[in-house]
């Protein structure tokens, strides 16, 4: 019999809400489709990409409208972190493995 696990409910902790809002406004102003959006990337991370975590932390990255992320459990960092990178705006030094039809798109990098 196959065992199914329900994802933990987790909180989103945004460490610079103004930078996050700016990125969301940028996404809206440029009509970026959901499949390439910051919203989809955050939704993916909140939806169960790391089972044990109870919080997802997001902090601004050095690239405009990009973010770093990490997970915690019981207030302690656990071993899964990375970036939510906006491709197409500036040099990111990151590679997209799955091409996008949109000239601007966010993707999760670990």
C-alpha atoms as a PDB file:
ATOM      1  CA  UNK A   1       0.000   0.000   0.000  1.00  0.00           C
ATOM      2  CA  UNK A   2       1.345   3.432  -0.953  1.00  0.00           C
ATOM      3  CA  UNK A   3       1.625   6.002   1.829  1.00  0.00           C
ATOM      4  CA  UNK A   4       0.491   9.554   1.121  1.00  0.00           C
ATOM      5  CA  UNK A   5       1.660  12.492   3.178  1.00  0.00           C
ATOM      6  CA  UNK A   6      -0.208  15.749   3.439  1.00  0.00           C
ATOM      7  CA  UNK A   7       2.038  18.819   3.181  1.00  0.00           C
ATOM      8  CA  UNK A   8       2.524  20.725   6.411  1.00  0.00           C
ATOM      9  CA  UNK A   9       0.849  24.061   6.693  1.00  0.00           C
ATOM     10  CA  UNK A  10       3.596  26.623   6.573  1.00  0.00           C
ATOM     11  CA  UNK A  11       3.883  30.329   7.074  1.00  0.00           C
ATOM     12  CA  UNK A  12       5.430  32.791   4.656  1.00  0.00           C
ATOM     13  CA  UNK A  13       7.899  35.198   6.273  1.00  0.00           C
ATOM     14  CA  UNK A  14       8.839  38.102   4.007  1.00  0.00           C
ATOM     15  CA  UNK A  15      11.861  39.956   5.386  1.00  0.00           C
ATOM     16  CA  UNK A  16      11.448  43.082   3.214  1.00  0.00           C
ATOM     17  CA  UNK A  17       7.803  43.562   2.343  1.00  0.00           C
ATOM     18  CA  UNK A  18       8.469  46.720   0.300  1.00  0.00           C
ATOM     19  CA  UNK A  19      10.885  44.900  -2.054  1.00  0.00           C
ATOM     20  CA  UNK A  20       8.374  42.048  -2.361  1.00  0.00           C
ATOM     21  CA  UNK A  21       5.551  44.491  -3.184  1.00  0.00           C
ATOM     22  CA  UNK A  22       7.754  46.198  -5.788  1.00  0.00           C
ATOM     23  CA  UNK A  23       8.366  42.828  -7.445  1.00  0.00           C
ATOM     24  CA  UNK A  24       4.647  42.000  -7.394  1.00  0.00           C
ATOM     25  CA  UNK A  25       3.851  45.388  -8.972  1.00  0.00           C
ATOM     26  CA  UNK A  26       6.536  44.758 -11.608  1.00  0.00           C
ATOM     27  CA  UNK A  27       4.948  41.372 -12.343  1.00  0.00           C
ATOM     28  CA  UNK A  28       1.521  42.996 -12.728  1.00  0.00           C
ATOM     29  CA  UNK A  29       2.759  45.969 -14.795  1.00  0.00           C
ATOM     30  CA  UNK A  30       4.530  43.636 -17.254  1.00  0.00           C
ATOM     31  CA  UNK A  31       1.614  41.167 -17.518  1.00  0.00           C
ATOM     32  CA  UNK A  32       3.862  38.214 -16.707  1.00  0.00           C
ATOM     33  CA  UNK A  33       1.822  35.001 -17.089  1.00  0.00           C
ATOM     34  CA  UNK A  34       1.210  32.914 -13.973  1.00  0.00           C
ATOM     35  CA  UNK A  35       3.461  30.044 -15.116  1.00  0.00           C
ATOM     36  CA  UNK A  36       6.421  32.490 -15.157  1.00  0.00           C
ATOM     37  CA  UNK A  37       5.398  34.549 -12.130  1.00  0.00           C
ATOM     38  CA  UNK A  38       6.845  35.224  -8.706  1.00  0.00           C
ATOM     39  CA  UNK A  39       3.455  34.140  -7.324  1.00  0.00           C
ATOM     40  CA  UNK A  40       3.813  30.696  -8.891  1.00  0.00           C
ATOM     41  CA  UNK A  41       7.331  30.261  -7.530  1.00  0.00           C
ATOM     42  CA  UNK A  42       6.251  31.174  -3.995  1.00  0.00           C
ATOM     43  CA  UNK A  43       3.143  28.988  -4.320  1.00  0.00           C
ATOM     44  CA  UNK A  44       5.353  26.066  -5.391  1.00  0.00           C
ATOM     45  CA  UNK A  45       7.651  26.508  -2.392  1.00  0.00           C
ATOM     46  CA  UNK A  46       4.747  26.869   0.043  1.00  0.00           C
ATOM     47  CA  UNK A  47       2.958  23.869  -1.445  1.00  0.00           C
ATOM     48  CA  UNK A  48       5.218  21.144  -0.219  1.00  0.00           C
ATOM     49  CA  UNK A  49       8.604  21.360  -1.850  1.00  0.00           C
ATOM     50  CA  UNK A  50      10.217  20.572   1.519  1.00  0.00           C
ATOM     51  CA  UNK A  51       8.000  18.423   3.723  1.00  0.00           C
ATOM     52  CA  UNK A  52       9.422  19.068   7.178  1.00  0.00           C
ATOM     53  CA  UNK A  53       9.456  22.880   7.058  1.00  0.00           C
ATOM     54  CA  UNK A  54       6.924  25.013   8.874  1.00  0.00           C
ATOM     55  CA  UNK A  55       8.107  28.430   7.587  1.00  0.00           C
ATOM     56  CA  UNK A  56       9.337  29.742   4.254  1.00  0.00           C
ATOM     57  CA  UNK A  57      11.541  32.834   4.555  1.00  0.00           C
ATOM     58  CA  UNK A  58      12.061  35.209   1.621  1.00  0.00           C
ATOM     59  CA  UNK A  59      14.638  38.001   1.532  1.00  0.00           C
ATOM     60  CA  UNK A  60      15.731  40.339  -1.298  1.00  0.00           C
ATOM     61  CA  UNK A  61      18.632  39.239  -3.490  1.00  0.00           C
ATOM     62  CA  UNK A  62      21.279  41.473  -5.066  1.00  0.00           C
ATOM     63  CA  UNK A  63      19.519  41.156  -8.460  1.00  0.00           C
ATOM     64  CA  UNK A  64      16.508  43.439  -8.786  1.00  0.00           C
ATOM     65  CA  UNK A  65      13.162  41.709  -8.085  1.00  0.00           C
ATOM     66  CA  UNK A  66      14.941  38.446  -7.190  1.00  0.00           C
ATOM     67  CA  UNK A  67      14.898  36.812  -3.768  1.00  0.00           C
ATOM     68  CA  UNK A  68      16.689  34.314  -1.625  1.00  0.00           C
ATOM     69  CA  UNK A  69      14.726  31.752   0.348  1.00  0.00           C
ATOM     70  CA  UNK A  70      15.230  29.256   3.147  1.00  0.00           C
ATOM     71  CA  UNK A  71      13.042  27.006   5.239  1.00  0.00           C
ATOM     72  CA  UNK A  72      12.831  26.640   9.003  1.00  0.00           C
ATOM     73  CA  UNK A  73      11.300  24.128  11.363  1.00  0.00           C
ATOM     74  CA  UNK A  74      10.563  25.162  14.936  1.00  0.00           C
ATOM     75  CA  UNK A  75      12.485  28.397  14.303  1.00  0.00           C
ATOM     76  CA  UNK A  76      15.696  26.681  13.170  1.00  0.00           C
ATOM     77  CA  UNK A  77      17.013  26.698   9.584  1.00  0.00           C
ATOM     78  CA  UNK A  78      16.885  23.355   7.820  1.00  0.00           C
ATOM     79  CA  UNK A  79      18.914  22.254   4.839  1.00  0.00           C
ATOM     80  CA  UNK A  80      17.047  23.529   1.810  1.00  0.00           C
ATOM     81  CA  UNK A  81      17.623  27.041   0.462  1.00  0.00           C
ATOM     82  CA  UNK A  82      18.095  28.884  -2.785  1.00  0.00           C
ATOM     83  CA  UNK A  83      16.846  31.750  -4.889  1.00  0.00           C
ATOM     84  CA  UNK A  84      13.770  32.887  -6.774  1.00  0.00           C
ATOM     85  CA  UNK A  85      15.479  34.515  -9.738  1.00  0.00           C
ATOM     86  CA  UNK A  86      13.950  36.939 -12.233  1.00  0.00           C
ATOM     87  CA  UNK A  87      15.346  36.158 -15.671  1.00  0.00           C
ATOM     88  CA  UNK A  88      15.359  38.664 -18.512  1.00  0.00           C
ATOM     89  CA  UNK A  89      15.753  41.939 -16.613  1.00  0.00           C
ATOM     90  CA  UNK A  90      19.473  41.984 -15.799  1.00  0.00           C
ATOM     91  CA  UNK A  91      22.439  39.624 -15.693  1.00  0.00           C
ATOM     92  CA  UNK A  92      21.668  37.000 -13.044  1.00  0.00           C
ATOM     93  CA  UNK A  93      24.570  34.566 -13.511  1.00  0.00           C
ATOM     94  CA  UNK A  94      21.944  31.800 -13.478  1.00  0.00           C
ATOM     95  CA  UNK A  95      20.792  29.510 -16.265  1.00  0.00           C
ATOM     96  CA  UNK A  96      17.216  28.574 -17.154  1.00  0.00           C
ATOM     97  CA  UNK A  97      16.897  24.854 -17.822  1.00  0.00           C
ATOM     98  CA  UNK A  98      13.324  25.163 -19.064  1.00  0.00           C
ATOM     99  CA  UNK A  99      12.907  27.932 -21.636  1.00  0.00           C
ATOM    100  CA  UNK A 100      10.053  30.358 -21.213  1.00  0.00           C
ATOM    101  CA  UNK A 101       8.014  32.053 -23.912  1.00  0.00           C
ATOM    102  CA  UNK A 102       7.918  35.178 -21.755  1.00  0.00           C
ATOM    103  CA  UNK A 103      10.954  37.497 -21.949  1.00  0.00           C
ATOM    104  CA  UNK A 104      10.651  37.975 -18.167  1.00  0.00           C
ATOM    105  CA  UNK A 105      10.179  35.032 -15.815  1.00  0.00           C
ATOM    106  CA  UNK A 106      10.946  33.904 -12.295  1.00  0.00           C
ATOM    107  CA  UNK A 107      12.316  30.468 -11.505  1.00  0.00           C
ATOM    108  CA  UNK A 108      13.372  28.613  -8.362  1.00  0.00           C
ATOM    109  CA  UNK A 109      17.073  27.775  -8.061  1.00  0.00           C
ATOM    110  CA  UNK A 110      18.563  25.610  -5.329  1.00  0.00           C
END
